[in-house]
Amino acid sequence: MLRQISIIAFDLDDTLWPCLPTIEYAEEALYNWLVEHYSRITDRYNRSDMVARRKQFIQENPRYAVNLSLMRHEFLRLLAIESEYDADIVVGQGFEVFFHARQQVTFYEDVFPCLERLKQHYRLGSISNGNASVEHVGLGHIFEHSVSAADINVAKPDRRIFDQLADQFGAPPQSILYVGDHPEYDVVAPQQAGMHSAWINRENIDWPSNLPEPKHRVNNLQELEGLLSKYR
């Protein structure tokens, strides 16, 4: 029962802000920087070709799925070596350009008002497979603990990433509600780790027919507040 809840943890991308525009902005910033400083790379790849090459690189190296920052480092290294640049310099400077732009997120309008109200009743945290930084995006004062896949080299849906958050809070899993947009990673997986979960469906998509129905569904954080108010 949600009456047990004392902690709410959130996914980040596509839960608190739309992910794709953020990534596209960061990749554009990086590409424009490469055009200016390392043009042999962009002579070899236009923007769409570079995206395709990155996707191929990920498919060839699935180990990077748990550390997207490392993936970005090593992809930049590949590009630099191909075009006969100093790889360490390109990687060091290029990743900083990408990372800074990656943190320029546009929050859904409900995020800050609702999180500030929820913080009055619950301890708040986050779990993410991505490389957004809670501190850099402006949520450091709201979230007590945050876990990213890169921190522990484990990604959702592996239950160990949920166990890590529970350990950081020093709380049993059943006292935690996890909220996210991905049916398997953010709804089924936390339940399997002993937590409660709620599916936030901002895009009005259909729930996958091959997965058990979620116990709690909301379309935004106001609805989450309404749901939780029934149990306080």
Protein backbone atom coordinates (compact mmCIF):
# COMPACT_ATOMS: atom_id res chain seq x y z
CA MET A 1 0.00 0.00 0.00
CA LEU A 2 1.13 3.55 -0.71
CA ARG A 3 0.56 4.41 2.95
CA GLN A 4 3.93 2.78 3.55
CA ILE A 5 5.67 5.31 1.32
CA SER A 6 8.18 7.71 2.87
CA ILE A 7 10.46 8.10 -0.18
CA ILE A 8 9.72 8.89 -3.81
CA ALA A 9 12.42 8.35 -6.44
CA PHE A 10 12.15 9.53 -10.02
CA ASP A 11 13.54 8.63 -13.38
CA LEU A 12 14.92 11.75 -15.13
CA ASP A 13 14.78 11.69 -18.94
CA ASP A 14 11.20 11.73 -20.30
CA THR A 15 9.90 11.84 -16.73
CA LEU A 16 11.02 15.28 -15.59
CA TRP A 17 11.97 16.67 -19.03
CA PRO A 18 11.76 15.47 -22.64
CA CYS A 19 14.96 13.62 -23.50
CA LEU A 20 15.25 13.75 -27.29
CA PRO A 21 15.38 17.56 -27.66
CA THR A 22 18.06 17.69 -24.96
CA ILE A 23 20.24 15.09 -26.67
CA GLU A 24 19.76 16.68 -30.07
CA TYR A 25 20.79 20.06 -28.68
CA ALA A 26 23.90 18.59 -27.06
CA GLU A 27 24.91 16.71 -30.19
CA GLU A 28 24.43 19.84 -32.30
CA ALA A 29 26.60 21.84 -29.89
CA LEU A 30 29.32 19.20 -30.07
CA TYR A 31 29.14 18.96 -33.85
CA ASN A 32 29.40 22.74 -34.26
CA TRP A 33 32.41 22.74 -31.94
CA LEU A 34 34.05 20.02 -34.02
CA VAL A 35 33.38 22.03 -37.20
CA GLU A 36 35.20 24.98 -35.67
CA HIS A 37 38.12 23.18 -34.06
CA TYR A 38 38.51 19.73 -35.65
CA SER A 39 37.11 20.05 -39.14
CA ARG A 40 38.70 16.89 -40.54
CA ILE A 41 36.21 14.97 -38.42
CA THR A 42 33.21 16.85 -39.79
CA ASP A 43 34.62 16.65 -43.33
CA ARG A 44 34.38 12.89 -42.87
CA TYR A 45 30.93 12.88 -41.20
CA ASN A 46 27.95 15.16 -41.65
CA ARG A 47 25.58 15.34 -38.69
CA SER A 48 23.35 12.47 -39.74
CA ASP A 49 26.34 10.30 -40.66
CA MET A 50 27.87 10.94 -37.24
CA VAL A 51 24.66 9.91 -35.48
CA ALA A 52 24.53 6.73 -37.57
CA ARG A 53 28.19 6.00 -36.79
CA ARG A 54 27.57 6.50 -33.07
CA LYS A 55 24.63 4.09 -33.13
CA GLN A 56 26.81 1.54 -34.90
CA PHE A 57 29.52 2.10 -32.30
CA ILE A 58 27.05 1.38 -29.48
CA GLN A 59 25.83 -1.79 -31.20
CA GLU A 60 29.40 -2.97 -31.54
CA ASN A 61 30.16 -2.14 -27.89
CA PRO A 62 27.09 -2.99 -25.77
CA ARG A 63 29.14 -2.66 -22.57
CA TYR A 64 28.75 1.11 -22.86
CA ALA A 65 25.00 0.82 -22.21
CA VAL A 66 25.71 1.14 -18.48
CA ASN A 67 27.99 4.16 -18.87
CA LEU A 68 26.87 6.61 -21.52
CA SER A 69 29.53 9.15 -20.56
CA LEU A 70 32.24 6.57 -21.20
CA MET A 71 30.56 5.79 -24.52
CA ARG A 72 30.76 9.48 -25.48
CA HIS A 73 34.43 9.59 -24.45
CA GLU A 74 35.35 6.54 -26.47
CA PHE A 75 33.34 7.57 -29.51
CA LEU A 76 35.14 10.92 -29.54
CA ARG A 77 38.41 9.03 -29.24
CA LEU A 78 37.51 6.95 -32.29
CA LEU A 79 36.63 10.06 -34.30
CA ALA A 80 39.89 11.76 -33.33
CA ILE A 81 42.06 8.77 -34.20
CA GLU A 82 40.32 8.32 -37.55
CA SER A 83 41.12 11.93 -38.47
CA GLU A 84 44.63 11.93 -36.97
CA TYR A 85 44.06 14.35 -34.11
CA ASP A 86 45.38 14.13 -30.55
CA ALA A 87 42.70 11.88 -29.08
CA ASP A 88 43.19 12.91 -25.44
CA ILE A 89 42.67 16.58 -26.28
CA VAL A 90 39.63 15.97 -28.45
CA VAL A 91 38.08 13.68 -25.83
CA GLY A 92 38.76 16.01 -22.91
CA GLN A 93 37.53 19.18 -24.55
CA GLY A 94 34.79 17.62 -26.66
CA PHE A 95 33.14 15.81 -23.81
CA GLU A 96 33.01 19.00 -21.75
CA VAL A 97 31.19 20.71 -24.62
CA PHE A 98 28.70 17.85 -24.88
CA PHE A 99 28.23 17.46 -21.13
CA HIS A 100 27.55 21.15 -20.56
CA ALA A 101 24.95 21.19 -23.35
CA ARG A 102 23.46 17.91 -22.07
CA GLN A 103 22.49 19.62 -18.83
CA GLN A 104 20.47 22.34 -20.58
CA VAL A 105 17.15 20.60 -20.04
CA THR A 106 13.68 22.07 -20.39
CA PHE A 107 11.60 20.80 -17.50
CA TYR A 108 7.95 19.92 -17.86
CA GLU A 109 5.95 22.76 -16.31
CA ASP A 110 4.69 20.68 -13.40
CA VAL A 111 8.11 19.54 -12.18
CA PHE A 112 9.35 22.21 -9.78
CA PRO A 113 5.99 23.16 -8.23
CA CYS A 114 5.07 19.52 -7.62
CA LEU A 115 8.49 18.43 -6.38
CA GLU A 116 8.61 21.31 -3.92
CA ARG A 117 5.21 20.27 -2.52
CA LEU A 118 6.10 16.58 -2.45
CA LYS A 119 9.30 17.40 -0.58
CA GLN A 120 7.20 18.64 2.32
CA HIS A 121 5.85 15.11 2.86
CA TYR A 122 8.46 12.71 1.40
CA ARG A 123 12.18 12.25 0.99
CA LEU A 124 13.01 12.51 -2.71
CA GLY A 125 15.63 10.90 -4.94
CA SER A 126 16.36 9.71 -8.46
CA ILE A 127 17.73 6.83 -10.49
CA SER A 128 18.86 7.22 -14.08
CA ASN A 129 20.59 5.25 -16.79
CA GLY A 130 21.55 8.53 -18.50
CA ASN A 131 24.29 11.07 -17.88
CA ALA A 132 22.26 14.07 -16.80
CA SER A 133 23.60 15.49 -13.54
CA VAL A 134 21.04 16.26 -10.84
CA GLU A 135 23.25 19.07 -9.55
CA HIS A 136 23.92 20.61 -12.95
CA VAL A 137 20.28 20.63 -14.06
CA GLY A 138 19.17 22.33 -10.84
CA LEU A 139 17.67 19.52 -8.77
CA GLY A 140 20.45 19.09 -6.24
CA HIS A 141 18.55 20.96 -3.53
CA ILE A 142 15.48 18.76 -4.00
CA PHE A 143 16.87 15.23 -4.28
CA GLU A 144 18.48 13.78 -1.19
CA HIS A 145 20.12 10.86 -3.02
CA SER A 146 20.62 10.11 -6.71
CA VAL A 147 22.05 7.07 -8.44
CA SER A 148 23.20 6.84 -12.03
CA ALA A 149 24.13 3.69 -13.89
CA ALA A 150 27.66 5.01 -14.42
CA ASP A 151 28.14 5.36 -10.65
CA ILE A 152 27.89 1.64 -10.01
CA ASN A 153 28.32 0.17 -13.51
CA VAL A 154 24.82 -1.28 -13.35
CA ALA A 155 21.81 -0.06 -15.32
CA LYS A 156 18.06 -0.44 -15.05
CA PRO A 157 16.34 -2.90 -15.15
CA ASP A 158 18.99 -4.64 -13.00
CA ARG A 159 17.63 -4.68 -9.46
CA ARG A 160 21.02 -3.74 -8.02
CA ILE A 161 20.58 -0.13 -9.07
CA PHE A 162 17.32 0.01 -7.08
CA ASP A 163 19.01 -1.73 -4.13
CA GLN A 164 21.73 0.93 -4.25
CA LEU A 165 19.20 3.73 -3.85
CA ALA A 166 17.49 1.97 -0.96
CA ASP A 167 20.88 1.52 0.71
CA GLN A 168 21.71 5.20 0.27
CA PHE A 169 18.46 6.17 1.95
CA GLY A 170 18.95 3.51 4.61
CA ALA A 171 15.35 2.44 4.01
CA PRO A 172 13.55 -0.77 3.07
CA PRO A 173 12.50 -1.04 -0.59
CA GLN A 174 8.82 -1.23 0.34
CA SER A 175 9.01 2.33 1.68
CA ILE A 176 9.99 3.66 -1.77
CA LEU A 177 7.77 4.63 -4.69
CA TYR A 178 9.59 4.79 -8.03
CA VAL A 179 8.11 6.96 -10.78
CA GLY A 180 9.14 6.81 -14.42
CA ASP A 181 8.08 6.57 -18.04
CA HIS A 182 9.63 3.28 -19.19
CA PRO A 183 7.27 0.34 -18.66
CA GLU A 184 9.96 -2.27 -18.05
CA TYR A 185 12.78 -0.21 -16.53
CA ASP A 186 10.68 2.14 -14.39
CA VAL A 187 7.58 0.13 -13.51
CA VAL A 188 8.18 -3.62 -13.64
CA ALA A 189 11.84 -3.58 -12.52
CA PRO A 190 11.38 -1.56 -9.31
CA GLN A 191 8.46 -3.79 -8.33
CA GLN A 192 10.72 -6.81 -8.78
CA ALA A 193 13.20 -5.06 -6.47
CA GLY A 194 10.52 -4.77 -3.77
CA MET A 195 9.51 -1.16 -4.39
CA HIS A 196 6.21 0.36 -5.37
CA SER A 197 6.06 1.96 -8.81
CA ALA A 198 3.93 4.37 -10.79
CA TRP A 199 3.91 4.77 -14.54
CA ILE A 200 3.98 8.37 -15.75
CA ASN A 201 2.59 8.40 -19.26
CA ARG A 202 3.10 11.95 -20.52
CA GLU A 203 2.81 11.00 -24.20
CA ASN A 204 -0.41 8.98 -23.89
CA ILE A 205 1.13 5.80 -25.27
CA ASP A 206 -0.31 2.31 -24.93
CA TRP A 207 0.97 0.04 -22.21
CA PRO A 208 2.86 -2.98 -23.70
CA SER A 209 0.55 -5.98 -23.87
CA ASN A 210 3.34 -8.37 -22.87
CA LEU A 211 3.85 -6.77 -19.45
CA PRO A 212 1.66 -6.98 -16.34
CA GLU A 213 -0.57 -3.93 -15.94
CA PRO A 214 0.85 -1.18 -13.72
CA LYS A 215 -0.81 -0.72 -10.35
CA HIS A 216 -0.59 3.06 -10.57
CA ARG A 217 -0.81 5.28 -13.67
CA VAL A 218 -0.51 9.06 -13.88
CA ASN A 219 -0.14 11.45 -16.80
CA ASN A 220 1.77 14.13 -14.90
CA LEU A 221 3.04 15.03 -11.45
CA GLN A 222 -0.18 16.78 -10.42
CA GLU A 223 -1.94 13.45 -10.85
CA LEU A 224 0.79 11.80 -8.80
CA GLU A 225 0.12 14.30 -6.01
CA GLY A 226 -3.58 13.50 -6.22
CA LEU A 227 -2.89 9.79 -6.04
CA LEU A 228 -0.65 10.12 -3.00
CA SER A 229 -3.00 12.47 -1.18
CA LYS A 230 -5.45 9.59 -0.81
CA TYR A 231 -2.94 7.74 1.37
CA ARG A 232 -1.68 10.51 3.64
